[in-house]
């Protein structure tokens, strides 16, 4: 444990016992599996595993930030609050515990001993929430449980990239409620040159933006901000989004590890088109459509095994990118009835994802507001 003197020694005994339990039982697992810890031990290996996803860079930035904060703590916090032997390794373990086990409350983030040991599932048997009357987190079962059955809660509707980055694990595709993909500001800046969808004069404005997070179910706040900056600066916001997504999508399609999953998705969507489906058809169970070239989940199962965290992260990004590209292409969102009738028919193998209907609606609203133009940028050659 970390028994200190001074002010630390005055902390309730429960706090010390909780810290001891976390250090002994939780931290070893986190240090073995969490991507922040893996980056500290083998950054090149983690980058190879996640490439061409941008997640390795986000993980690197966050893990480096922990070191910066630790330096500030050692410089500014009195020795009476720091236990003997305090160093960056111990601080890193504490940071991972905070990242993966904290709860939100009216008073800010808080540890809740006992409750923090509930595991996550997309189909929870219990719900935890802050009870103002009790001034505590209360967990209530939402269904009956058999003797010995684990009681789980849901950490939120999070994509696999966000689950891995925060908690250090992913879920099978069948349990992932949303897809996401995150870009750095440098990805936007790179589109400001060589006749791209935004002129060089917008590079500085893009560089000042936070990371761009795409969500398959809606237009995120960071995407809306980037499109607004592009439109205000005379750029082509629709082209900006399209080219950003297409470039990352093409990189992912070139990843040999992801090829079986991408092929399974195509097979599933062809099945949807043949059936005339636009609802929750095969595209919602694409992992069941093995092409024969993928890794099988078991002998004769016909299921595609997507078991590696890195593969799940990259497939989530791929699905998110395809959803955005197809939402941009959705005729009802930007064509008149006459234009839609004259347009070539949609590819039968690629109906709009059912779960991205909200995204298509949001993009249609942005187009109506003039924030989704796709014409060439004035003064630059069209691509």
Foldseek 3Di string as FASTA:
>chain_A
DFQAAAPSVVDDPVVVVLVVCCVVPPLVVCCVFALLNVCVVCLPVVCVLQPPAPLSVVSVVVSVVLVVVLVVCVVPPDVRNGGPPDDSVVSVSVVLCQLQQWDQDPVGTDHDPPVSPAAAFLDFQWEWDQDPVVRHIDIDGPDDDDVPDGGHYHPDQDALSVCSNRNRDGDPLLGRRWFKGKAALVLLLVQQDDQGQHHNVLNVVSNPQGIQMFILQARDPSLVVVLVSRVVRQGASQRSLLVSLVVLLVRLCPDPLQVQLVVLLLVQLLVCLVVVHDACGSNSVSQLQGPVPADDPDVPSSGHDPDDSSNSNSVSSNVRSLLLNVLSVPCVLDHDPVVVVVDDDDDSSDHHHNSNPNHSVNVSVCVVVVSRGHDGGPPGDHD
